[in-house]
Amino acid sequence: MIGRLIIPVLALAGIGYTVFAVVHNQRDGIAERPVTQVRSALPAVPFASYVAGVGIIEANTTEIPIGSPVSGVVAKVFVQSGDELEAGDPLFALDGRTQQEAVDIARAEVALAESRLASVDYEMKLATNLREAKTIGQDEVERRKLAKAVSVAELNRARAVLQAAETERERLTVRAPMRGQVLQLGVHAGQYALEGQAPGHKQPLVVFGSVKPLHLRVAVDEAEAWRLRRGAKGLAFLHANPKIQFPLGFVRIEPLLVAKTSLTGRSAERVDSRVLQVLYRFDRKGAPVYVGQQMDVYLEAKKRP
């Protein structure tokens, strides 16, 4: 009887020791890890009455995803992330050997048509002189006039084909649509670029936008929206660093309320709440702020009754 109890007692003792060792090691590990806390002083808000919101920095054109007008292999990339460009500066180019061949053939056709027209024009002038000398009849002059008109039409057609070929070749070089900055670069030489911006594509070939000045999209809770006045002054603070602040210039109010996308994680958070979006502009003045970054925003507003 005693022998039968020894094995269960030893098993229980082993389990107890294992649990003790695990708990003891976890406590030691926790004790050894320093707890890092981010502390920042509350910003000094210069408004007697205000509403607070969270702002997201964006380009004043919003972020523009740029794709390729045609499918093809990327031959060359001219830019890097962060480059500031003027309107029309090249971003990347696709392999254009086929299109260049079409341009060369069209140029040859134009040269041939110009040569034919020159020959026909000479014959018409000669016929006109002969007619004046009454050596040939008027019918021959009219025939050569018609031949010249046909040659002119053929030359115009050849020039139109050349212009279309050059346009098709030019489309292979994708250019900056305006003055701005390359915010993200997702294209590389040798990559096969698909035409357009396919739905569900993970990353655009280039994300571009005008960043002078930057815009700040501020989300104001719908319960506070009535207090906000059009043209209200604003002040933005860099998230977790209130020493870096920017005065804001009013741009516009987006009249359509949208669903709130950023949740605090608190148990009282309402996932069905909506926000009013207000756009402000500001000058970064060399400060380390970037498109997509969060900022704490305070907007001058009416007092609560």
C-alpha atoms as a PDB file:
ATOM      1  CA  MET A   1       0.000   0.000   0.000  1.00  0.00           C
ATOM      2  CA  ILE A   2       2.765   2.457   0.959  1.00  0.00           C
ATOM      3  CA  GLY A   3       4.731   1.516  -2.163  1.00  0.00           C
ATOM      4  CA  ARG A   4       1.750   2.386  -4.329  1.00  0.00           C
ATOM      5  CA  LEU A   5       1.583   5.925  -2.839  1.00  0.00           C
ATOM      6  CA  ILE A   6       5.267   6.746  -3.310  1.00  0.00           C
ATOM      7  CA  ILE A   7       5.056   7.231  -7.085  1.00  0.00           C
ATOM      8  CA  PRO A   8       2.108   9.721  -7.044  1.00  0.00           C
ATOM      9  CA  VAL A   9       3.710  11.671  -4.186  1.00  0.00           C
ATOM     10  CA  LEU A  10       7.002  11.987  -6.069  1.00  0.00           C
ATOM     11  CA  ALA A  11       5.161  13.068  -9.242  1.00  0.00           C
ATOM     12  CA  LEU A  12       3.298  15.810  -7.359  1.00  0.00           C
ATOM     13  CA  ALA A  13       6.512  16.996  -5.763  1.00  0.00           C
ATOM     14  CA  GLY A  14       8.198  17.213  -9.163  1.00  0.00           C
ATOM     15  CA  ILE A  15       5.322  19.248 -10.615  1.00  0.00           C
ATOM     16  CA  GLY A  16       5.409  21.631  -7.651  1.00  0.00           C
ATOM     17  CA  TYR A  17       9.126  22.212  -8.029  1.00  0.00           C
ATOM     18  CA  THR A  18       8.778  22.888 -11.745  1.00  0.00           C
ATOM     19  CA  VAL A  19       6.043  25.488 -11.177  1.00  0.00           C
ATOM     20  CA  PHE A  20       8.138  27.184  -8.465  1.00  0.00           C
ATOM     21  CA  ALA A  21      11.190  27.364 -10.726  1.00  0.00           C
ATOM     22  CA  VAL A  22       9.263  28.834 -13.634  1.00  0.00           C
ATOM     23  CA  VAL A  23       7.584  31.529 -11.496  1.00  0.00           C
ATOM     24  CA  HIS A  24      10.863  32.381  -9.773  1.00  0.00           C
ATOM     25  CA  ASN A  25      12.709  32.762 -13.094  1.00  0.00           C
ATOM     26  CA  GLN A  26       9.962  34.952 -14.551  1.00  0.00           C
ATOM     27  CA  ARG A  27      10.056  37.241 -11.531  1.00  0.00           C
ATOM     28  CA  ASP A  28      13.813  37.522 -11.775  1.00  0.00           C
ATOM     29  CA  GLY A  29      13.595  38.302 -15.476  1.00  0.00           C
ATOM     30  CA  ILE A  30      10.969  40.953 -14.930  1.00  0.00           C
ATOM     31  CA  ALA A  31      12.966  42.508 -12.126  1.00  0.00           C
ATOM     32  CA  GLU A  32      16.070  42.688 -14.309  1.00  0.00           C
ATOM     33  CA  ARG A  33      14.320  44.489 -17.174  1.00  0.00           C
ATOM     34  CA  PRO A  34      14.202  48.239 -16.733  1.00  0.00           C
ATOM     35  CA  VAL A  35      10.816  49.771 -17.459  1.00  0.00           C
ATOM     36  CA  THR A  36      11.053  52.565 -20.002  1.00  0.00           C
ATOM     37  CA  GLN A  37       8.473  55.286 -19.711  1.00  0.00           C
ATOM     38  CA  VAL A  38       7.996  58.140 -22.140  1.00  0.00           C
ATOM     39  CA  ARG A  39       7.223  61.299 -20.255  1.00  0.00           C
ATOM     40  CA  SER A  40       6.394  64.579 -21.907  1.00  0.00           C
ATOM     41  CA  ALA A  41       5.058  67.750 -20.422  1.00  0.00           C
ATOM     42  CA  LEU A  42       1.565  68.788 -21.435  1.00  0.00           C
ATOM     43  CA  PRO A  43       1.667  71.493 -24.117  1.00  0.00           C
ATOM     44  CA  ALA A  44       0.661  75.052 -23.300  1.00  0.00           C
ATOM     45  CA  VAL A  45      -2.452  75.750 -25.371  1.00  0.00           C
ATOM     46  CA  PRO A  46      -2.924  79.487 -26.120  1.00  0.00           C
ATOM     47  CA  PHE A  47      -6.688  79.259 -26.616  1.00  0.00           C
ATOM     48  CA  ALA A  48      -9.217  79.942 -23.857  1.00  0.00           C
ATOM     49  CA  SER A  49     -11.555  77.391 -25.409  1.00  0.00           C
ATOM     50  CA  TYR A  50     -10.532  74.659 -27.806  1.00  0.00           C
ATOM     51  CA  VAL A  51     -11.172  71.184 -29.172  1.00  0.00           C
ATOM     52  CA  ALA A  52      -8.414  68.610 -29.355  1.00  0.00           C
ATOM     53  CA  GLY A  53      -7.826  66.127 -32.112  1.00  0.00           C
ATOM     54  CA  VAL A  54      -5.259  63.907 -33.743  1.00  0.00           C
ATOM     55  CA  GLY A  55      -3.714  65.083 -36.996  1.00  0.00           C
ATOM     56  CA  ILE A  56      -2.002  63.078 -39.717  1.00  0.00           C
ATOM     57  CA  ILE A  57       0.575  64.839 -41.873  1.00  0.00           C
ATOM     58  CA  GLU A  58      -0.033  64.517 -45.603  1.00  0.00           C
ATOM     59  CA  ALA A  59       1.067  66.120 -48.864  1.00  0.00           C
ATOM     60  CA  ASN A  60      -0.996  69.118 -49.896  1.00  0.00           C
ATOM     61  CA  THR A  61      -1.960  67.152 -53.018  1.00  0.00           C
ATOM     62  CA  THR A  62      -2.553  64.038 -50.892  1.00  0.00           C
ATOM     63  CA  GLU A  63      -0.298  61.078 -51.658  1.00  0.00           C
ATOM     64  CA  ILE A  64      -0.488  60.304 -55.393  1.00  0.00           C
ATOM     65  CA  PRO A  65       0.116  56.662 -56.401  1.00  0.00           C
ATOM     66  CA  ILE A  66       1.829  56.656 -59.808  1.00  0.00           C
ATOM     67  CA  GLY A  67       1.663  53.635 -62.067  1.00  0.00           C
ATOM     68  CA  SER A  68       2.733  52.827 -65.598  1.00  0.00           C
ATOM     69  CA  PRO A  69       0.636  53.772 -68.654  1.00  0.00           C
ATOM     70  CA  VAL A  70       1.638  50.539 -70.381  1.00  0.00           C
ATOM     71  CA  SER A  71       3.032  47.195 -69.299  1.00  0.00           C
ATOM     72  CA  GLY A  72       6.726  46.565 -69.778  1.00  0.00           C
ATOM     73  CA  VAL A  73      10.139  46.000 -68.262  1.00  0.00           C
ATOM     74  CA  VAL A  74      11.596  48.924 -66.335  1.00  0.00           C
ATOM     75  CA  ALA A  75      14.793  49.983 -68.075  1.00  0.00           C
ATOM     76  CA  LYS A  76      15.898  52.820 -65.809  1.00  0.00           C
ATOM     77  CA  VAL A  77      14.908  54.537 -62.561  1.00  0.00           C
ATOM     78  CA  PHE A  78      15.926  58.199 -62.362  1.00  0.00           C
ATOM     79  CA  VAL A  79      15.019  59.026 -58.746  1.00  0.00           C
ATOM     80  CA  GLN A  80      15.334  57.926 -55.144  1.00  0.00           C
ATOM     81  CA  SER A  81      12.979  58.282 -52.196  1.00  0.00           C
ATOM     82  CA  GLY A  82      13.053  61.822 -50.858  1.00  0.00           C
ATOM     83  CA  ASP A  83      14.108  63.476 -54.126  1.00  0.00           C
ATOM     84  CA  GLU A  84      12.428  66.809 -54.826  1.00  0.00           C
ATOM     85  CA  LEU A  85      11.449  67.255 -58.460  1.00  0.00           C
ATOM     86  CA  GLU A  86       9.990  69.798 -60.826  1.00  0.00           C
ATOM     87  CA  ALA A  87       6.950  69.083 -62.979  1.00  0.00           C
ATOM     88  CA  GLY A  88       7.967  66.927 -65.938  1.00  0.00           C
ATOM     89  CA  ASP A  89      11.136  65.485 -64.395  1.00  0.00           C
ATOM     90  CA  PRO A  90      11.494  61.768 -65.258  1.00  0.00           C
ATOM     91  CA  LEU A  91      10.710  59.165 -62.601  1.00  0.00           C
ATOM     92  CA  PHE A  92      11.361  55.912 -64.479  1.00  0.00           C
ATOM     93  CA  ALA A  93      11.374  54.583 -68.036  1.00  0.00           C
ATOM     94  CA  LEU A  94      10.296  51.295 -69.604  1.00  0.00           C
ATOM     95  CA  ASP A  95      12.226  49.400 -72.253  1.00  0.00           C
ATOM     96  CA  GLY A  96      11.385  51.177 -75.516  1.00  0.00           C
ATOM     97  CA  ARG A  97      13.285  49.317 -78.210  1.00  0.00           C
ATOM     98  CA  THR A  98      10.118  48.269 -80.046  1.00  0.00           C
ATOM     99  CA  GLN A  99       8.707  51.798 -79.910  1.00  0.00           C
ATOM    100  CA  GLN A 100      12.021  53.278 -81.099  1.00  0.00           C
ATOM    101  CA  GLU A 101      11.962  50.945 -84.096  1.00  0.00           C
ATOM    102  CA  ALA A 102       8.464  52.208 -84.961  1.00  0.00           C
ATOM    103  CA  VAL A 103       9.741  55.808 -84.730  1.00  0.00           C
ATOM    104  CA  ASP A 104      12.676  55.039 -87.051  1.00  0.00           C
ATOM    105  CA  ILE A 105      10.375  53.450 -89.631  1.00  0.00           C
ATOM    106  CA  ALA A 106       7.966  56.406 -89.451  1.00  0.00           C
ATOM    107  CA  ARG A 107      10.827  58.882 -89.929  1.00  0.00           C
ATOM    108  CA  ALA A 108      11.933  56.978 -93.025  1.00  0.00           C
ATOM    109  CA  GLU A 109       8.386  57.159 -94.407  1.00  0.00           C
ATOM    110  CA  VAL A 110       8.302  60.918 -93.805  1.00  0.00           C
ATOM    111  CA  ALA A 111      11.622  61.370 -95.615  1.00  0.00           C
ATOM    112  CA  LEU A 112      10.344  59.312 -98.559  1.00  0.00           C
ATOM    113  CA  ALA A 113       7.081  61.280 -98.718  1.00  0.00           C
ATOM    114  CA  GLU A 114       8.980  64.577 -98.634  1.00  0.00           C
ATOM    115  CA  SER A 115      11.166  63.388-101.521  1.00  0.00           C
ATOM    116  CA  ARG A 116       8.094  62.393-103.557  1.00  0.00           C
ATOM    117  CA  LEU A 117       6.426  65.718-102.898  1.00  0.00           C
ATOM    118  CA  ALA A 118       9.523  67.620-103.979  1.00  0.00           C
ATOM    119  CA  SER A 119       9.598  65.670-107.230  1.00  0.00           C
ATOM    120  CA  VAL A 120       5.902  66.186-107.930  1.00  0.00           C
ATOM    121  CA  ASP A 121       6.143  69.866-107.068  1.00  0.00           C
ATOM    122  CA  TYR A 122       8.984  70.296-109.545  1.00  0.00           C
ATOM    123  CA  GLU A 123       6.943  68.552-112.261  1.00  0.00           C
ATOM    124  CA  MET A 124       3.933  70.781-111.568  1.00  0.00           C
ATOM    125  CA  LYS A 125       6.013  73.971-111.814  1.00  0.00           C
ATOM    126  CA  LEU A 126       7.517  72.673-115.060  1.00  0.00           C
ATOM    127  CA  ALA A 127       4.061  71.914-116.430  1.00  0.00           C
ATOM    128  CA  THR A 128       2.866  75.394-115.476  1.00  0.00           C
ATOM    129  CA  ASN A 129       5.744  76.967-117.412  1.00  0.00           C
ATOM    130  CA  LEU A 130       5.075  74.728-120.409  1.00  0.00           C
ATOM    131  CA  ARG A 131       1.426  75.659-120.332  1.00  0.00           C
ATOM    132  CA  GLU A 132       2.314  79.324-120.409  1.00  0.00           C
ATOM    133  CA  ALA A 133       4.439  78.593-123.441  1.00  0.00           C
ATOM    134  CA  LYS A 134       1.470  76.722-124.911  1.00  0.00           C
ATOM    135  CA  THR A 135       3.548  73.571-125.238  1.00  0.00           C
ATOM    136  CA  ILE A 136       1.144  71.334-123.247  1.00  0.00           C
ATOM    137  CA  GLY A 137      -2.561  71.500-122.535  1.00  0.00           C
ATOM    138  CA  GLN A 138      -4.385  72.554-119.380  1.00  0.00           C
ATOM    139  CA  ASP A 139      -5.400  68.943-118.701  1.00  0.00           C
ATOM    140  CA  GLU A 140      -1.766  67.986-118.081  1.00  0.00           C
ATOM    141  CA  VAL A 141      -1.360  70.861-115.625  1.00  0.00           C
ATOM    142  CA  GLU A 142      -4.475  69.781-113.707  1.00  0.00           C
ATOM    143  CA  ARG A 143      -3.223  66.202-113.612  1.00  0.00           C
ATOM    144  CA  ARG A 144       0.043  67.304-112.020  1.00  0.00           C
ATOM    145  CA  LYS A 145      -1.798  69.544-109.542  1.00  0.00           C
ATOM    146  CA  LEU A 146      -3.805  66.525-108.462  1.00  0.00           C
ATOM    147  CA  ALA A 147      -0.604  64.479-108.121  1.00  0.00           C
ATOM    148  CA  LYS A 148       0.839  67.177-105.858  1.00  0.00           C
ATOM    149  CA  ALA A 149      -2.294  67.206-103.682  1.00  0.00           C
ATOM    150  CA  VAL A 150      -2.014  63.435-103.275  1.00  0.00           C
ATOM    151  CA  SER A 151       1.674  63.747-102.326  1.00  0.00           C
ATOM    152  CA  VAL A 152       0.852  66.438 -99.744  1.00  0.00           C
ATOM    153  CA  ALA A 153      -1.808  64.173 -98.212  1.00  0.00           C
ATOM    154  CA  GLU A 154       0.652  61.254 -98.085  1.00  0.00           C
ATOM    155  CA  LEU A 155       3.251  63.467 -96.372  1.00  0.00           C
ATOM    156  CA  ASN A 156       0.714  64.668 -93.791  1.00  0.00           C
ATOM    157  CA  ARG A 157      -0.284  61.077 -93.090  1.00  0.00           C
ATOM    158  CA  ALA A 158       3.366  60.014 -92.684  1.00  0.00           C
ATOM    159  CA  ARG A 159       3.981  62.915 -90.285  1.00  0.00           C
ATOM    160  CA  ALA A 160       0.900  61.946 -88.248  1.00  0.00           C
ATOM    161  CA  VAL A 161       2.154  58.358 -87.993  1.00  0.00           C
ATOM    162  CA  LEU A 162       5.556  59.652 -86.847  1.00  0.00           C
ATOM    163  CA  GLN A 163       3.963  61.904 -84.225  1.00  0.00           C
ATOM    164  CA  ALA A 164       1.879  58.988 -82.897  1.00  0.00           C
ATOM    165  CA  ALA A 165       4.984  56.763 -82.728  1.00  0.00           C
ATOM    166  CA  GLU A 166       6.948  59.447 -80.886  1.00  0.00           C
ATOM    167  CA  THR A 167       4.054  59.940 -78.453  1.00  0.00           C
ATOM    168  CA  GLU A 168       3.918  56.202 -77.779  1.00  0.00           C
ATOM    169  CA  ARG A 169       7.661  56.180 -77.146  1.00  0.00           C
ATOM    170  CA  GLU A 170       7.395  59.222 -74.852  1.00  0.00           C
ATOM    171  CA  ARG A 171       4.702  57.460 -72.781  1.00  0.00           C
ATOM    172  CA  LEU A 172       7.329  54.935 -71.709  1.00  0.00           C
ATOM    173  CA  THR A 173       9.002  57.641 -69.605  1.00  0.00           C
ATOM    174  CA  VAL A 174       6.839  58.355 -66.549  1.00  0.00           C
ATOM    175  CA  ARG A 175       7.291  61.898 -65.263  1.00  0.00           C
ATOM    176  CA  ALA A 176       6.468  63.916 -62.167  1.00  0.00           C
ATOM    177  CA  PRO A 177       2.964  65.375 -62.560  1.00  0.00           C
ATOM    178  CA  MET A 178       3.877  68.503 -60.587  1.00  0.00           C
ATOM    179  CA  ARG A 179       6.540  69.997 -58.371  1.00  0.00           C
ATOM    180  CA  GLY A 180       6.890  67.724 -55.356  1.00  0.00           C
ATOM    181  CA  GLN A 181       8.742  64.951 -53.570  1.00  0.00           C
ATOM    182  CA  VAL A 182       9.159  61.219 -54.074  1.00  0.00           C
ATOM    183  CA  LEU A 183       7.556  59.917 -50.883  1.00  0.00           C
ATOM    184  CA  GLN A 184       8.010  56.218 -51.602  1.00  0.00           C
ATOM    185  CA  LEU A 185       9.758  54.284 -54.351  1.00  0.00           C
ATOM    186  CA  GLY A 186       8.604  50.786 -55.225  1.00  0.00           C
ATOM    187  CA  VAL A 187      10.046  50.384 -58.720  1.00  0.00           C
ATOM    188  CA  HIS A 188      13.414  48.962 -59.724  1.00  0.00           C
ATOM    189  CA  ALA A 189      15.288  48.430 -62.972  1.00  0.00           C
ATOM    190  CA  GLY A 190      14.467  45.033 -64.466  1.00  0.00           C
ATOM    191  CA  GLN A 191      11.071  44.875 -62.776  1.00  0.00           C
ATOM    192  CA  TYR A 192       8.023  44.106 -64.928  1.00  0.00           C
ATOM    193  CA  ALA A 193       5.555  46.948 -64.455  1.00  0.00           C
ATOM    194  CA  LEU A 194       1.879  46.307 -65.117  1.00  0.00           C
ATOM    195  CA  GLU A 195      -0.265  48.853 -66.890  1.00  0.00           C
ATOM    196  CA  GLY A 196      -2.220  51.139 -64.577  1.00  0.00           C
ATOM    197  CA  GLN A 197      -2.677  50.645 -60.851  1.00  0.00           C
ATOM    198  CA  ALA A 198      -4.171  47.202 -60.379  1.00  0.00           C
ATOM    199  CA  PRO A 199      -6.746  46.913 -57.537  1.00  0.00           C
ATOM    200  CA  GLY A 200      -5.251  45.272 -54.479  1.00  0.00           C
ATOM    201  CA  HIS A 201      -1.689  46.048 -55.546  1.00  0.00           C
ATOM    202  CA  LYS A 202       0.390  46.097 -52.382  1.00  0.00           C
ATOM    203  CA  GLN A 203       2.652  48.996 -53.294  1.00  0.00           C
ATOM    204  CA  PRO A 204       2.460  51.633 -56.047  1.00  0.00           C
ATOM    205  CA  LEU A 205       5.469  52.041 -58.295  1.00  0.00           C
ATOM    206  CA  VAL A 206       5.944  55.582 -56.975  1.00  0.00           C
ATOM    207  CA  VAL A 207       4.137  57.602 -54.312  1.00  0.00           C
ATOM    208  CA  PHE A 208       4.459  61.299 -55.082  1.00  0.00           C
ATOM    209  CA  GLY A 209       3.145  64.505 -53.573  1.00  0.00           C
ATOM    210  CA  SER A 210       3.671  68.226 -53.132  1.00  0.00           C
ATOM    211  CA  VAL A 211       5.007  68.904 -49.615  1.00  0.00           C
ATOM    212  CA  LYS A 212       5.498  72.676 -49.647  1.00  0.00           C
ATOM    213  CA  PRO A 213       3.532  73.396 -47.596  1.00  0.00           C
ATOM    214  CA  LEU A 214       2.528  70.242 -45.747  1.00  0.00           C
ATOM    215  CA  HIS A 215      -1.081  69.591 -44.845  1.00  0.00           C
ATOM    216  CA  LEU A 216      -2.436  68.244 -41.583  1.00  0.00           C
ATOM    217  CA  ARG A 217      -5.688  66.261 -41.626  1.00  0.00           C
ATOM    218  CA  VAL A 218      -7.260  66.693 -38.190  1.00  0.00           C
ATOM    219  CA  ALA A 219      -9.966  64.357 -36.926  1.00  0.00           C
ATOM    220  CA  VAL A 220     -12.473  66.078 -34.597  1.00  0.00           C
ATOM    221  CA  ASP A 221     -15.005  63.944 -32.739  1.00  0.00           C
ATOM    222  CA  GLU A 222     -18.545  64.394 -34.010  1.00  0.00           C
ATOM    223  CA  ALA A 223     -19.688  65.424 -30.531  1.00  0.00           C
ATOM    224  CA  GLU A 224     -17.300  68.407 -30.686  1.00  0.00           C
ATOM    225  CA  ALA A 225     -17.812  69.303 -34.347  1.00  0.00           C
ATOM    226  CA  TRP A 226     -20.465  71.963 -33.605  1.00  0.00           C
ATOM    227  CA  ARG A 227     -17.925  73.959 -31.581  1.00  0.00           C
ATOM    228  CA  LEU A 228     -15.481  74.310 -34.459  1.00  0.00           C
ATOM    229  CA  ARG A 229     -15.631  77.507 -36.513  1.00  0.00           C
ATOM    230  CA  ARG A 230     -14.564  77.814 -40.133  1.00  0.00           C
ATOM    231  CA  GLY A 231     -11.170  79.499 -40.248  1.00  0.00           C
ATOM    232  CA  ALA A 232     -10.417  78.652 -36.604  1.00  0.00           C
ATOM    233  CA  LYS A 233      -6.822  79.063 -35.463  1.00  0.00           C
ATOM    234  CA  GLY A 234      -4.858  75.937 -34.701  1.00  0.00           C
ATOM    235  CA  LEU A 235      -1.661  74.748 -33.069  1.00  0.00           C
ATOM    236  CA  ALA A 236      -0.011  71.382 -33.605  1.00  0.00           C
ATOM    237  CA  PHE A 237       2.549  69.618 -31.437  1.00  0.00           C
ATOM    238  CA  LEU A 238       4.790  66.790 -32.463  1.00  0.00           C
ATOM    239  CA  HIS A 239       3.495  63.591 -30.923  1.00  0.00           C
ATOM    240  CA  ALA A 240       5.264  62.937 -27.565  1.00  0.00           C
ATOM    241  CA  ASN A 241       7.406  66.071 -27.963  1.00  0.00           C
ATOM    242  CA  PRO A 242       5.432  69.277 -27.266  1.00  0.00           C
ATOM    243  CA  LYS A 243       8.586  71.383 -27.649  1.00  0.00           C
ATOM    244  CA  ILE A 244       8.233  71.047 -31.421  1.00  0.00           C
ATOM    245  CA  GLN A 245       5.127  72.974 -32.413  1.00  0.00           C
ATOM    246  CA  PHE A 246       3.664  74.562 -35.509  1.00  0.00           C
ATOM    247  CA  PRO A 247       1.056  77.292 -36.006  1.00  0.00           C
ATOM    248  CA  LEU A 248      -1.585  76.116 -38.451  1.00  0.00           C
ATOM    249  CA  GLY A 249      -3.288  77.884 -41.336  1.00  0.00           C
ATOM    250  CA  PHE A 250      -6.873  76.909 -42.090  1.00  0.00           C
ATOM    251  CA  VAL A 251      -7.495  75.269 -45.474  1.00  0.00           C
ATOM    252  CA  ARG A 252     -10.983  73.770 -45.449  1.00  0.00           C
ATOM    253  CA  ILE A 253     -13.473  71.553 -43.656  1.00  0.00           C
ATOM    254  CA  GLU A 254     -14.415  68.257 -45.294  1.00  0.00           C
ATOM    255  CA  PRO A 255     -18.246  68.343 -45.030  1.00  0.00           C
ATOM    256  CA  LEU A 256     -18.656  64.538 -44.977  1.00  0.00           C
ATOM    257  CA  LEU A 257     -18.150  62.886 -41.582  1.00  0.00           C
ATOM    258  CA  VAL A 258     -16.279  59.596 -41.781  1.00  0.00           C
ATOM    259  CA  ALA A 259     -15.922  56.595 -39.516  1.00  0.00           C
ATOM    260  CA  LYS A 260     -13.220  56.890 -36.890  1.00  0.00           C
ATOM    261  CA  THR A 261     -10.255  54.762 -37.884  1.00  0.00           C
ATOM    262  CA  SER A 262      -7.873  55.132 -34.931  1.00  0.00           C
ATOM    263  CA  LEU A 263      -9.036  53.571 -31.666  1.00  0.00           C
ATOM    264  CA  THR A 264      -7.516  54.144 -28.251  1.00  0.00           C
ATOM    265  CA  GLY A 265      -8.099  50.616 -27.006  1.00  0.00           C
ATOM    266  CA  ARG A 266     -10.030  51.815 -23.978  1.00  0.00           C
ATOM    267  CA  SER A 267     -13.048  49.816 -22.893  1.00  0.00           C
ATOM    268  CA  ALA A 268     -15.234  52.905 -23.339  1.00  0.00           C
ATOM    269  CA  GLU A 269     -14.209  53.472 -26.963  1.00  0.00           C
ATOM    270  CA  ARG A 270     -17.118  53.570 -29.420  1.00  0.00           C
ATOM    271  CA  VAL A 271     -16.195  51.799 -32.625  1.00  0.00           C
ATOM    272  CA  ASP A 272     -19.192  53.380 -34.398  1.00  0.00           C
ATOM    273  CA  SER A 273     -18.150  56.974 -33.664  1.00  0.00           C
ATOM    274  CA  ARG A 274     -17.528  59.376 -36.517  1.00  0.00           C
ATOM    275  CA  VAL A 275     -15.216  62.328 -36.989  1.00  0.00           C
ATOM    276  CA  LEU A 276     -15.153  65.616 -38.866  1.00  0.00           C
ATOM    277  CA  GLN A 277     -11.987  66.061 -40.918  1.00  0.00           C
ATOM    278  CA  VAL A 278     -10.425  69.521 -41.036  1.00  0.00           C
ATOM    279  CA  LEU A 279      -7.434  70.399 -43.208  1.00  0.00           C
ATOM    280  CA  TYR A 280      -4.718  72.820 -42.095  1.00  0.00           C
ATOM    281  CA  ARG A 281      -1.402  73.772 -43.664  1.00  0.00           C
ATOM    282  CA  PHE A 282       1.941  74.416 -41.986  1.00  0.00           C
ATOM    283  CA  ASP A 283       5.597  74.974 -42.785  1.00  0.00           C
ATOM    284  CA  ARG A 284       7.917  72.337 -41.358  1.00  0.00           C
ATOM    285  CA  LYS A 285      10.839  74.837 -41.303  1.00  0.00           C
ATOM    286  CA  GLY A 286      13.409  72.075 -41.319  1.00  0.00           C
ATOM    287  CA  ALA A 287      11.856  70.201 -38.388  1.00  0.00           C
ATOM    288  CA  PRO A 288      12.022  66.372 -38.448  1.00  0.00           C
ATOM    289  CA  VAL A 289       8.420  65.720 -39.454  1.00  0.00           C
ATOM    290  CA  TYR A 290       7.279  63.366 -42.202  1.00  0.00           C
ATOM    291  CA  VAL A 291       4.230  62.520 -44.243  1.00  0.00           C
ATOM    292  CA  GLY A 292       2.080  60.013 -42.355  1.00  0.00           C
ATOM    293  CA  GLN A 293       3.261  61.166 -38.917  1.00  0.00           C
ATOM    294  CA  GLN A 294       0.798  61.864 -36.091  1.00  0.00           C
ATOM    295  CA  MET A 295       0.519  65.202 -34.324  1.00  0.00           C
ATOM    296  CA  ASP A 296      -1.474  66.439 -31.339  1.00  0.00           C
ATOM    297  CA  VAL A 297      -3.696  69.303 -32.450  1.00  0.00           C
ATOM    298  CA  TYR A 298      -5.652  71.989 -30.605  1.00  0.00           C
ATOM    299  CA  LEU A 299      -8.172  74.130 -32.478  1.00  0.00           C
ATOM    300  CA  GLU A 300      -9.781  77.293 -31.178  1.00  0.00           C
ATOM    301  CA  ALA A 301     -13.486  76.630 -30.641  1.00  0.00           C
ATOM    302  CA  LYS A 302     -16.705  77.929 -29.116  1.00  0.00           C
ATOM    303  CA  LYS A 303     -17.199  77.515 -25.391  1.00  0.00           C
ATOM    304  CA  ARG A 304     -19.552  74.877 -24.109  1.00  0.00           C
ATOM    305  CA  PRO A 305     -22.824  76.264 -22.705  1.00  0.00           C
END
